[in-house]
Each structure stands twice: as structure tokens, then as C-alpha cells.
């Protein structure tokens, strides 16, 4: 007998579950938990959290060890508009590091392709494709790239992330028009997007799988130490451990193979600047 989808149930957290832990956001969207639905008529109780397989985290406020945005997802869909607002490679690189730290497969979605030329798209697409990152080029008005994205999301749990105003909600609305997700406009005064998603929300996909829509992020601090940062830049990997000085930060030390690779254009100046900027912020 087909019993259909189970009804959602409100569940509270047992007070002793996080005893001695002062940080917030202890349970994230995507967490798998054990629950007791017989304890009360109006709500159940969360008894235990199961180990997280993957996670998308960022550095929280002072004194808090971690802010987990989403857990147990398979894919990180990084939406970056090509114009209005302009493409921000530095933020894309931060998302790539955060995804690498959390075990998520990265996919870069270059949105609003109808606003630029193919000559503007090609170098961005080629760069990130060379970093073992799947790149999809999309345009909602032209219905471009929507079907490949729909197929890619099937039977996966995907996290939709990116800068405010890059078109995340527009993509969801175009892919699944029956969901009635609010769509915001880019501010004409600031050129920045307005937040239309205020919290992470998980939706079941009609063709199987889930998508988690996250709030627009204007700045992202991945939860990684400065010493480990270089291992999350994939094009650095062939040169790691070969610099003259152990623990080389690849910024000011002499005889650094990473800097030599930048000079010889084996590593792009753009990505190296992203590494330095992120290193300094950490």
C-alpha cells in the first residue's frame, strides 16, 4: 500500500543533548537525527544527532567554533552572475574552499548569460573547468542551461549558494514554477542584490533528491586554518611540499614554487590573489 509522504512534525531538542556546548546553530538543515514521536501529542523530541557526512560551514562570531549552514549534502551549486551584479571570482573561490573543506562536489553556475558576450564567458568557464569544477552557463530569460541543471540535480541533495542578487531564486522559480519562491531585484543604487531567502530551506525535488536554498552571502569565511588553506586550491597541489622553507605561506618567502608557478602562468594571477586575500583574512 502506498502511504505517501510522511507528515512534517515539529520536534524539540532535549536539553541535555548539547549540554556544555555554548555555540548556536547546533542542528543544521540536512542533519539526520533520532526522534521520539510518542513523548508528547503536539511535538516530538530530538534524541540524538547522527554523524555528518558532509557540511557547508563558515567561521562564526568570536568564541563560537563553527556555523554549519547545511549538512549531509552531495553537491555545492555556486551561483555567480556574469553581470548585475558583476562576477566576483574571489567569492567563488571562497565557496570552493568551503566546499572542499566540507566534502562537497562543486558546481559553478554562471547565471545571467544573456547580459554578456561569449567572449566574456569563455575565460571564466575555462578557468574553473580546469580546476575540476563542473561549470554550467545559464540564462533564465533564454531558458539556457536549465535542463542540464535539472538533470544534474536529480537524485542528489544540492546546496544552492552565492552572492545576494545573483539569481538563485530566479533559477529555482524557472526550474520549478509551482513553488512560488520570492524573487528579489538588484538594487539600482548599490548594484548589490537584496536578500530574498532569509534562512536555509530544504525542498524535495519532483524528479527525486533535494535542494537547499541558502540566504545570499556577501562575505564568506571558510572554516579552515591558514596552514591548510593551500591544500584546498587544487592547482597548487603539484607544487606543495617543494618550496625551500617548510611551512611556506607562498606570500613573501624566497624560492617558493607556488610564486614561481604564478610567474610562469601555471597558476593564474586571479586565483593567487584570491589565495592571498583569504589567507590574510584568516
C-alpha atoms as a PDB file:
ATOM      1  CA  UNK A   1       0.000   0.000   0.000  1.00  0.00           C
ATOM      2  CA  UNK A   2       1.293   3.452  -0.902  1.00  0.00           C
ATOM      3  CA  UNK A   3       1.210   5.528   2.267  1.00  0.00           C
ATOM      4  CA  UNK A   4       2.608   8.666   0.613  1.00  0.00           C
ATOM      5  CA  UNK A   5       4.993  11.161   2.168  1.00  0.00           C
ATOM      6  CA  UNK A   6       5.081  11.341   5.985  1.00  0.00           C
ATOM      7  CA  UNK A   7       3.577  14.438   7.571  1.00  0.00           C
ATOM      8  CA  UNK A   8       6.099  17.016   8.874  1.00  0.00           C
ATOM      9  CA  UNK A   9       6.374  17.039  12.649  1.00  0.00           C
ATOM     10  CA  UNK A  10       7.638  19.724  14.984  1.00  0.00           C
ATOM     11  CA  UNK A  11      10.433  18.338  17.169  1.00  0.00           C
ATOM     12  CA  UNK A  12      12.112  19.937  20.150  1.00  0.00           C
ATOM     13  CA  UNK A  13      15.688  19.378  21.298  1.00  0.00           C
ATOM     14  CA  UNK A  14      16.324  17.566  24.559  1.00  0.00           C
ATOM     15  CA  UNK A  15      18.077  19.979  26.893  1.00  0.00           C
ATOM     16  CA  UNK A  16      20.860  17.531  27.689  1.00  0.00           C
ATOM     17  CA  UNK A  17      21.642  16.847  24.014  1.00  0.00           C
ATOM     18  CA  UNK A  18      24.074  19.780  23.775  1.00  0.00           C
ATOM     19  CA  UNK A  19      24.912  20.119  27.442  1.00  0.00           C
ATOM     20  CA  UNK A  20      28.145  22.058  27.940  1.00  0.00           C
ATOM     21  CA  UNK A  21      28.167  23.446  24.395  1.00  0.00           C
ATOM     22  CA  UNK A  22      27.580  27.199  24.268  1.00  0.00           C
ATOM     23  CA  UNK A  23      27.586  27.757  20.491  1.00  0.00           C
ATOM     24  CA  UNK A  24      24.436  28.275  18.477  1.00  0.00           C
ATOM     25  CA  UNK A  25      23.145  26.555  15.314  1.00  0.00           C
ATOM     26  CA  UNK A  26      23.705  23.144  16.852  1.00  0.00           C
ATOM     27  CA  UNK A  27      21.316  21.485  14.421  1.00  0.00           C
ATOM     28  CA  UNK A  28      21.526  22.436  10.749  1.00  0.00           C
ATOM     29  CA  UNK A  29      19.346  21.840   7.713  1.00  0.00           C
ATOM     30  CA  UNK A  30      20.114  18.336   6.442  1.00  0.00           C
ATOM     31  CA  UNK A  31      21.078  16.861   9.798  1.00  0.00           C
ATOM     32  CA  UNK A  32      19.886  13.308  10.394  1.00  0.00           C
ATOM     33  CA  UNK A  33      18.546  12.683  13.881  1.00  0.00           C
ATOM     34  CA  UNK A  34      16.827  10.082  16.021  1.00  0.00           C
ATOM     35  CA  UNK A  35      13.444  11.259  17.298  1.00  0.00           C
ATOM     36  CA  UNK A  36      10.749  10.171  19.740  1.00  0.00           C
ATOM     37  CA  UNK A  37       7.247  10.993  18.472  1.00  0.00           C
ATOM     38  CA  UNK A  38       5.420   9.384  21.396  1.00  0.00           C
ATOM     39  CA  UNK A  39       6.650  11.702  24.138  1.00  0.00           C
ATOM     40  CA  UNK A  40       4.057  14.427  23.516  1.00  0.00           C
ATOM     41  CA  UNK A  41       0.935  14.908  21.431  1.00  0.00           C
ATOM     42  CA  UNK A  42       1.911  18.268  19.933  1.00  0.00           C
ATOM     43  CA  UNK A  43       5.581  17.608  19.171  1.00  0.00           C
ATOM     44  CA  UNK A  44       8.350  15.047  19.163  1.00  0.00           C
ATOM     45  CA  UNK A  45      11.795  15.123  20.757  1.00  0.00           C
ATOM     46  CA  UNK A  46      15.187  15.007  19.069  1.00  0.00           C
ATOM     47  CA  UNK A  47      17.162  12.408  20.996  1.00  0.00           C
ATOM     48  CA  UNK A  48      20.445  12.153  19.091  1.00  0.00           C
ATOM     49  CA  UNK A  49      22.265  13.597  16.097  1.00  0.00           C
ATOM     50  CA  UNK A  50      23.855  11.164  13.667  1.00  0.00           C
ATOM     51  CA  UNK A  51      27.375  11.864  12.359  1.00  0.00           C
ATOM     52  CA  UNK A  52      27.548  14.340   9.476  1.00  0.00           C
ATOM     53  CA  UNK A  53      28.896  13.001   6.181  1.00  0.00           C
ATOM     54  CA  UNK A  54      29.450  16.440   4.639  1.00  0.00           C
ATOM     55  CA  UNK A  55      28.850  20.036   5.649  1.00  0.00           C
ATOM     56  CA  UNK A  56      28.959  23.604   4.415  1.00  0.00           C
ATOM     57  CA  UNK A  57      30.365  25.722   7.221  1.00  0.00           C
ATOM     58  CA  UNK A  58      31.601  29.230   7.757  1.00  0.00           C
ATOM     59  CA  UNK A  59      33.532  30.933  10.512  1.00  0.00           C
ATOM     60  CA  UNK A  60      31.071  32.371  13.065  1.00  0.00           C
ATOM     61  CA  UNK A  61      31.384  35.109  15.641  1.00  0.00           C
ATOM     62  CA  UNK A  62      34.049  35.384  18.296  1.00  0.00           C
ATOM     63  CA  UNK A  63      34.109  32.452  20.711  1.00  0.00           C
ATOM     64  CA  UNK A  64      31.953  30.165  18.546  1.00  0.00           C
ATOM     65  CA  UNK A  65      33.750  27.244  16.880  1.00  0.00           C
ATOM     66  CA  UNK A  66      31.618  26.740  13.768  1.00  0.00           C
ATOM     67  CA  UNK A  67      28.466  27.790  11.930  1.00  0.00           C
ATOM     68  CA  UNK A  68      27.141  24.864   9.907  1.00  0.00           C
ATOM     69  CA  UNK A  69      24.796  26.146   7.190  1.00  0.00           C
ATOM     70  CA  UNK A  70      23.875  22.754   5.670  1.00  0.00           C
ATOM     71  CA  UNK A  71      24.878  19.160   6.366  1.00  0.00           C
ATOM     72  CA  UNK A  72      24.794  15.839   4.506  1.00  0.00           C
ATOM     73  CA  UNK A  73      24.507  17.384   1.042  1.00  0.00           C
ATOM     74  CA  UNK A  74      26.245  15.967  -2.030  1.00  0.00           C
ATOM     75  CA  UNK A  75      26.774  18.998  -4.244  1.00  0.00           C
ATOM     76  CA  UNK A  76      27.520  22.690  -3.740  1.00  0.00           C
ATOM     77  CA  UNK A  77      25.881  24.733  -6.501  1.00  0.00           C
ATOM     78  CA  UNK A  78      27.713  28.082  -6.573  1.00  0.00           C
ATOM     79  CA  UNK A  79      25.643  30.626  -8.465  1.00  0.00           C
ATOM     80  CA  UNK A  80      27.670  33.578  -9.792  1.00  0.00           C
ATOM     81  CA  UNK A  81      26.133  36.168 -12.095  1.00  0.00           C
ATOM     82  CA  UNK A  82      28.159  37.361 -15.039  1.00  0.00           C
ATOM     83  CA  UNK A  83      26.660  40.854 -14.760  1.00  0.00           C
ATOM     84  CA  UNK A  84      24.268  42.763 -12.495  1.00  0.00           C
ATOM     85  CA  UNK A  85      25.866  42.161 -10.036  1.00  0.00           C
ATOM     86  CA  UNK A  86      29.252  41.595 -11.724  1.00  0.00           C
ATOM     87  CA  UNK A  87      31.153  38.332 -11.478  1.00  0.00           C
ATOM     88  CA  UNK A  88      33.077  38.015  -8.197  1.00  0.00           C
ATOM     89  CA  UNK A  89      35.830  35.435  -8.573  1.00  0.00           C
ATOM     90  CA  UNK A  90      37.081  35.967  -5.042  1.00  0.00           C
ATOM     91  CA  UNK A  91      33.762  34.900  -3.515  1.00  0.00           C
ATOM     92  CA  UNK A  92      33.524  31.913  -5.863  1.00  0.00           C
ATOM     93  CA  UNK A  93      36.984  30.846  -4.700  1.00  0.00           C
ATOM     94  CA  UNK A  94      35.903  31.105  -1.067  1.00  0.00           C
ATOM     95  CA  UNK A  95      32.919  28.861  -1.778  1.00  0.00           C
ATOM     96  CA  UNK A  96      35.220  26.373  -3.494  1.00  0.00           C
ATOM     97  CA  UNK A  97      37.412  26.253  -0.390  1.00  0.00           C
ATOM     98  CA  UNK A  98      34.376  25.869   1.890  1.00  0.00           C
ATOM     99  CA  UNK A  99      33.047  23.050  -0.289  1.00  0.00           C
ATOM    100  CA  UNK A 100      36.431  21.333  -0.357  1.00  0.00           C
ATOM    101  CA  UNK A 101      36.700  21.541   3.436  1.00  0.00           C
ATOM    102  CA  UNK A 102      33.240  20.037   3.863  1.00  0.00           C
ATOM    103  CA  UNK A 103      33.491  17.249   1.283  1.00  0.00           C
ATOM    104  CA  UNK A 104      31.017  18.720  -1.233  1.00  0.00           C
ATOM    105  CA  UNK A 105      31.294  18.369  -5.008  1.00  0.00           C
ATOM    106  CA  UNK A 106      31.463  21.887  -6.525  1.00  0.00           C
ATOM    107  CA  UNK A 107      29.401  23.079  -9.477  1.00  0.00           C
ATOM    108  CA  UNK A 108      29.724  26.656 -10.726  1.00  0.00           C
ATOM    109  CA  UNK A 109      26.591  28.103 -12.302  1.00  0.00           C
ATOM    110  CA  UNK A 110      27.313  31.207 -14.376  1.00  0.00           C
ATOM    111  CA  UNK A 111      23.952  32.985 -14.443  1.00  0.00           C
ATOM    112  CA  UNK A 112      22.557  35.886 -16.487  1.00  0.00           C
ATOM    113  CA  UNK A 113      24.494  34.800 -19.585  1.00  0.00           C
ATOM    114  CA  UNK A 114      22.090  36.833 -21.733  1.00  0.00           C
ATOM    115  CA  UNK A 115      23.707  40.031 -20.381  1.00  0.00           C
ATOM    116  CA  UNK A 116      27.242  39.293 -21.651  1.00  0.00           C
ATOM    117  CA  UNK A 117      29.049  38.025 -24.730  1.00  0.00           C
ATOM    118  CA  UNK A 118      30.536  34.586 -25.234  1.00  0.00           C
ATOM    119  CA  UNK A 119      33.990  36.220 -25.227  1.00  0.00           C
ATOM    120  CA  UNK A 120      33.363  37.305 -21.634  1.00  0.00           C
ATOM    121  CA  UNK A 121      32.096  33.875 -20.570  1.00  0.00           C
ATOM    122  CA  UNK A 122      34.840  31.722 -22.119  1.00  0.00           C
ATOM    123  CA  UNK A 123      37.842  32.662 -19.917  1.00  0.00           C
ATOM    124  CA  UNK A 124      35.820  32.261 -16.714  1.00  0.00           C
ATOM    125  CA  UNK A 125      34.411  28.921 -17.844  1.00  0.00           C
ATOM    126  CA  UNK A 126      37.819  27.655 -18.959  1.00  0.00           C
ATOM    127  CA  UNK A 127      39.498  28.663 -15.694  1.00  0.00           C
ATOM    128  CA  UNK A 128      37.076  26.893 -13.398  1.00  0.00           C
ATOM    129  CA  UNK A 129      36.701  23.873 -15.671  1.00  0.00           C
ATOM    130  CA  UNK A 130      40.487  23.436 -15.361  1.00  0.00           C
ATOM    131  CA  UNK A 131      40.053  23.241 -11.561  1.00  0.00           C
ATOM    132  CA  UNK A 132      37.953  20.043 -11.778  1.00  0.00           C
ATOM    133  CA  UNK A 133      34.799  22.094 -11.239  1.00  0.00           C
ATOM    134  CA  UNK A 134      31.708  21.442 -13.335  1.00  0.00           C
ATOM    135  CA  UNK A 135      30.608  24.719 -14.980  1.00  0.00           C
ATOM    136  CA  UNK A 136      27.077  25.368 -16.247  1.00  0.00           C
ATOM    137  CA  UNK A 137      26.127  28.551 -18.112  1.00  0.00           C
ATOM    138  CA  UNK A 138      22.517  29.646 -17.581  1.00  0.00           C
ATOM    139  CA  UNK A 139      20.063  32.327 -18.617  1.00  0.00           C
ATOM    140  CA  UNK A 140      16.519  32.327 -17.260  1.00  0.00           C
ATOM    141  CA  UNK A 141      15.051  34.628 -19.991  1.00  0.00           C
ATOM    142  CA  UNK A 142      16.572  32.412 -22.693  1.00  0.00           C
ATOM    143  CA  UNK A 143      15.885  29.127 -20.819  1.00  0.00           C
ATOM    144  CA  UNK A 144      19.569  28.410 -21.377  1.00  0.00           C
ATOM    145  CA  UNK A 145      21.243  25.681 -19.372  1.00  0.00           C
ATOM    146  CA  UNK A 146      18.140  24.942 -17.285  1.00  0.00           C
ATOM    147  CA  UNK A 147      17.552  21.376 -18.461  1.00  0.00           C
ATOM    148  CA  UNK A 148      21.190  20.243 -17.884  1.00  0.00           C
ATOM    149  CA  UNK A 149      20.954  21.758 -14.391  1.00  0.00           C
ATOM    150  CA  UNK A 150      17.661  19.970 -13.723  1.00  0.00           C
ATOM    151  CA  UNK A 151      19.170  16.638 -14.798  1.00  0.00           C
ATOM    152  CA  UNK A 152      22.307  17.244 -12.732  1.00  0.00           C
ATOM    153  CA  UNK A 153      20.248  17.844  -9.566  1.00  0.00           C
ATOM    154  CA  UNK A 154      18.246  14.637  -9.932  1.00  0.00           C
ATOM    155  CA  UNK A 155      18.568  12.175  -7.026  1.00  0.00           C
ATOM    156  CA  UNK A 156      21.099  14.390  -5.235  1.00  0.00           C
ATOM    157  CA  UNK A 157      20.976  16.735  -2.293  1.00  0.00           C
ATOM    158  CA  UNK A 158      22.269  20.046  -3.594  1.00  0.00           C
ATOM    159  CA  UNK A 159      23.035  23.304  -1.796  1.00  0.00           C
ATOM    160  CA  UNK A 160      22.276  26.475  -3.743  1.00  0.00           C
ATOM    161  CA  UNK A 161      24.631  29.266  -2.650  1.00  0.00           C
ATOM    162  CA  UNK A 162      26.045  32.536  -3.880  1.00  0.00           C
ATOM    163  CA  UNK A 163      26.188  36.295  -3.548  1.00  0.00           C
ATOM    164  CA  UNK A 164      22.931  38.178  -2.992  1.00  0.00           C
ATOM    165  CA  UNK A 165      21.147  39.030  -6.227  1.00  0.00           C
ATOM    166  CA  UNK A 166      22.921  36.534  -8.494  1.00  0.00           C
ATOM    167  CA  UNK A 167      19.654  34.830  -9.416  1.00  0.00           C
ATOM    168  CA  UNK A 168      19.374  31.774  -7.151  1.00  0.00           C
ATOM    169  CA  UNK A 169      15.652  32.247  -6.531  1.00  0.00           C
ATOM    170  CA  UNK A 170      15.067  33.030 -10.215  1.00  0.00           C
ATOM    171  CA  UNK A 171      16.710  29.737 -11.191  1.00  0.00           C
ATOM    172  CA  UNK A 172      14.559  27.789  -8.758  1.00  0.00           C
ATOM    173  CA  UNK A 173      11.430  29.581  -9.959  1.00  0.00           C
ATOM    174  CA  UNK A 174      12.295  28.764 -13.585  1.00  0.00           C
ATOM    175  CA  UNK A 175      13.064  25.122 -12.843  1.00  0.00           C
ATOM    176  CA  UNK A 176      10.086  24.590 -10.547  1.00  0.00           C
ATOM    177  CA  UNK A 177       7.470  27.293 -11.230  1.00  0.00           C
ATOM    178  CA  UNK A 178       4.878  25.763  -8.901  1.00  0.00           C
ATOM    179  CA  UNK A 179       6.971  26.511  -5.813  1.00  0.00           C
ATOM    180  CA  UNK A 180       6.164  30.255  -5.737  1.00  0.00           C
ATOM    181  CA  UNK A 181       9.585  31.272  -4.359  1.00  0.00           C
ATOM    182  CA  UNK A 182      10.045  35.013  -3.901  1.00  0.00           C
ATOM    183  CA  UNK A 183      12.380  36.709  -6.367  1.00  0.00           C
ATOM    184  CA  UNK A 184      14.264  39.888  -5.455  1.00  0.00           C
ATOM    185  CA  UNK A 185      15.670  42.644  -7.630  1.00  0.00           C
ATOM    186  CA  UNK A 186      19.195  44.025  -7.660  1.00  0.00           C
ATOM    187  CA  UNK A 187      19.342  47.450  -6.017  1.00  0.00           C
ATOM    188  CA  UNK A 188      19.896  50.125  -8.681  1.00  0.00           C
ATOM    189  CA  UNK A 189      21.578  52.376  -6.127  1.00  0.00           C
ATOM    190  CA  UNK A 190      24.154  49.935  -4.773  1.00  0.00           C
ATOM    191  CA  UNK A 191      24.313  47.359  -7.557  1.00  0.00           C
ATOM    192  CA  UNK A 192      24.020  44.680  -4.858  1.00  0.00           C
ATOM    193  CA  UNK A 193      21.355  42.060  -4.502  1.00  0.00           C
ATOM    194  CA  UNK A 194      18.638  42.155  -1.906  1.00  0.00           C
ATOM    195  CA  UNK A 195      18.130  39.116   0.306  1.00  0.00           C
ATOM    196  CA  UNK A 196      15.008  37.170  -0.680  1.00  0.00           C
ATOM    197  CA  UNK A 197      15.883  33.984   1.227  1.00  0.00           C
ATOM    198  CA  UNK A 198      16.346  34.658   4.950  1.00  0.00           C
ATOM    199  CA  UNK A 199      17.134  31.136   6.150  1.00  0.00           C
ATOM    200  CA  UNK A 200      18.282  27.824   4.695  1.00  0.00           C
ATOM    201  CA  UNK A 201      15.317  25.779   3.485  1.00  0.00           C
ATOM    202  CA  UNK A 202      15.214  22.252   2.073  1.00  0.00           C
ATOM    203  CA  UNK A 203      12.810  21.300  -0.731  1.00  0.00           C
ATOM    204  CA  UNK A 204      12.045  17.857  -2.161  1.00  0.00           C
ATOM    205  CA  UNK A 205      12.582  17.767  -5.940  1.00  0.00           C
ATOM    206  CA  UNK A 206       9.833  16.329  -8.162  1.00  0.00           C
ATOM    207  CA  UNK A 207      12.313  14.089 -10.012  1.00  0.00           C
ATOM    208  CA  UNK A 208      13.990  12.843  -6.822  1.00  0.00           C
ATOM    209  CA  UNK A 209      16.519  14.408  -4.475  1.00  0.00           C
ATOM    210  CA  UNK A 210      16.527  17.647  -2.508  1.00  0.00           C
ATOM    211  CA  UNK A 211      17.699  21.208  -2.897  1.00  0.00           C
ATOM    212  CA  UNK A 212      18.644  23.533  -0.056  1.00  0.00           C
ATOM    213  CA  UNK A 213      18.213  27.233  -0.791  1.00  0.00           C
ATOM    214  CA  UNK A 214      20.510  29.385   1.365  1.00  0.00           C
ATOM    215  CA  UNK A 215      20.496  33.123   2.146  1.00  0.00           C
ATOM    216  CA  UNK A 216      22.572  35.299  -0.160  1.00  0.00           C
ATOM    217  CA  UNK A 217      26.082  35.674   1.253  1.00  0.00           C
ATOM    218  CA  UNK A 218      28.096  38.845   0.618  1.00  0.00           C
ATOM    219  CA  UNK A 219      31.157  37.611   2.529  1.00  0.00           C
ATOM    220  CA  UNK A 220      32.176  34.060   3.401  1.00  0.00           C
ATOM    221  CA  UNK A 221      34.907  32.998   5.794  1.00  0.00           C
ATOM    222  CA  UNK A 222      35.535  29.274   5.253  1.00  0.00           C
ATOM    223  CA  UNK A 223      36.349  27.328   8.378  1.00  0.00           C
ATOM    224  CA  UNK A 224      39.967  26.476   7.521  1.00  0.00           C
ATOM    225  CA  UNK A 225      43.310  27.223   9.121  1.00  0.00           C
ATOM    226  CA  UNK A 226      45.912  29.336   7.252  1.00  0.00           C
ATOM    227  CA  UNK A 227      48.289  26.362   7.304  1.00  0.00           C
ATOM    228  CA  UNK A 228      45.785  24.140   5.471  1.00  0.00           C
ATOM    229  CA  UNK A 229      44.472  26.704   3.006  1.00  0.00           C
ATOM    230  CA  UNK A 230      46.885  25.891   0.155  1.00  0.00           C
ATOM    231  CA  UNK A 231      45.700  22.254   0.064  1.00  0.00           C
ATOM    232  CA  UNK A 232      42.216  23.474  -0.938  1.00  0.00           C
ATOM    233  CA  UNK A 233      43.494  25.260  -4.074  1.00  0.00           C
ATOM    234  CA  UNK A 234      43.657  22.299  -6.432  1.00  0.00           C
ATOM    235  CA  UNK A 235      46.129  23.836  -8.888  1.00  0.00           C
ATOM    236  CA  UNK A 236      48.610  24.319  -6.010  1.00  0.00           C
ATOM    237  CA  UNK A 237      48.737  20.559  -5.341  1.00  0.00           C
ATOM    238  CA  UNK A 238      51.590  19.623  -7.767  1.00  0.00           C
ATOM    239  CA  UNK A 239      53.881  22.182  -6.104  1.00  0.00           C
ATOM    240  CA  UNK A 240      53.094  21.671  -2.405  1.00  0.00           C
ATOM    241  CA  UNK A 241      55.921  20.464  -0.205  1.00  0.00           C
ATOM    242  CA  UNK A 242      58.588  21.556  -2.691  1.00  0.00           C
ATOM    243  CA  UNK A 243      59.219  25.121  -1.514  1.00  0.00           C
ATOM    244  CA  UNK A 244      62.554  25.905   0.128  1.00  0.00           C
ATOM    245  CA  UNK A 245      61.044  26.633   3.540  1.00  0.00           C
ATOM    246  CA  UNK A 246      58.857  24.210   5.466  1.00  0.00           C
ATOM    247  CA  UNK A 247      55.524  25.794   6.259  1.00  0.00           C
ATOM    248  CA  UNK A 248      55.862  28.242   3.354  1.00  0.00           C
ATOM    249  CA  UNK A 249      52.880  30.595   3.170  1.00  0.00           C
ATOM    250  CA  UNK A 250      53.580  31.313  -0.539  1.00  0.00           C
ATOM    251  CA  UNK A 251      53.348  35.040   0.034  1.00  0.00           C
ATOM    252  CA  UNK A 252      56.736  36.538   0.885  1.00  0.00           C
ATOM    253  CA  UNK A 253      59.194  33.625   1.186  1.00  0.00           C
ATOM    254  CA  UNK A 254      62.001  33.231  -1.400  1.00  0.00           C
ATOM    255  CA  UNK A 255      62.286  30.154  -3.636  1.00  0.00           C
ATOM    256  CA  UNK A 256      58.568  29.432  -3.398  1.00  0.00           C
ATOM    257  CA  UNK A 257      57.320  27.097  -6.133  1.00  0.00           C
ATOM    258  CA  UNK A 258      53.789  28.485  -5.924  1.00  0.00           C
ATOM    259  CA  UNK A 259      55.002  32.006  -6.693  1.00  0.00           C
ATOM    260  CA  UNK A 260      57.201  30.641  -9.474  1.00  0.00           C
ATOM    261  CA  UNK A 261      54.158  28.841 -10.900  1.00  0.00           C
ATOM    262  CA  UNK A 262      52.269  32.143 -10.919  1.00  0.00           C
ATOM    263  CA  UNK A 263      55.134  33.809 -12.775  1.00  0.00           C
ATOM    264  CA  UNK A 264      55.208  31.014 -15.354  1.00  0.00           C
ATOM    265  CA  UNK A 265      51.372  31.217 -15.642  1.00  0.00           C
ATOM    266  CA  UNK A 266      50.822  27.674 -14.411  1.00  0.00           C
ATOM    267  CA  UNK A 267      48.671  29.265 -11.700  1.00  0.00           C
ATOM    268  CA  UNK A 268      46.579  32.296 -12.621  1.00  0.00           C
ATOM    269  CA  UNK A 269      47.186  35.671 -11.004  1.00  0.00           C
ATOM    270  CA  UNK A 270      43.479  35.859 -10.168  1.00  0.00           C
ATOM    271  CA  UNK A 271      43.478  32.649  -8.180  1.00  0.00           C
ATOM    272  CA  UNK A 272      46.755  33.505  -6.444  1.00  0.00           C
ATOM    273  CA  UNK A 273      45.287  36.851  -5.349  1.00  0.00           C
ATOM    274  CA  UNK A 274      42.239  35.007  -4.012  1.00  0.00           C
ATOM    275  CA  UNK A 275      44.541  32.743  -2.007  1.00  0.00           C
ATOM    276  CA  UNK A 276      46.445  35.708  -0.546  1.00  0.00           C
ATOM    277  CA  UNK A 277      43.271  37.613   0.296  1.00  0.00           C
ATOM    278  CA  UNK A 278      41.755  34.610   2.028  1.00  0.00           C
ATOM    279  CA  UNK A 279      45.000  33.819   3.841  1.00  0.00           C
ATOM    280  CA  UNK A 280      45.160  37.387   5.198  1.00  0.00           C
ATOM    281  CA  UNK A 281      41.538  37.247   6.380  1.00  0.00           C
ATOM    282  CA  UNK A 282      42.239  34.044   8.294  1.00  0.00           C
END
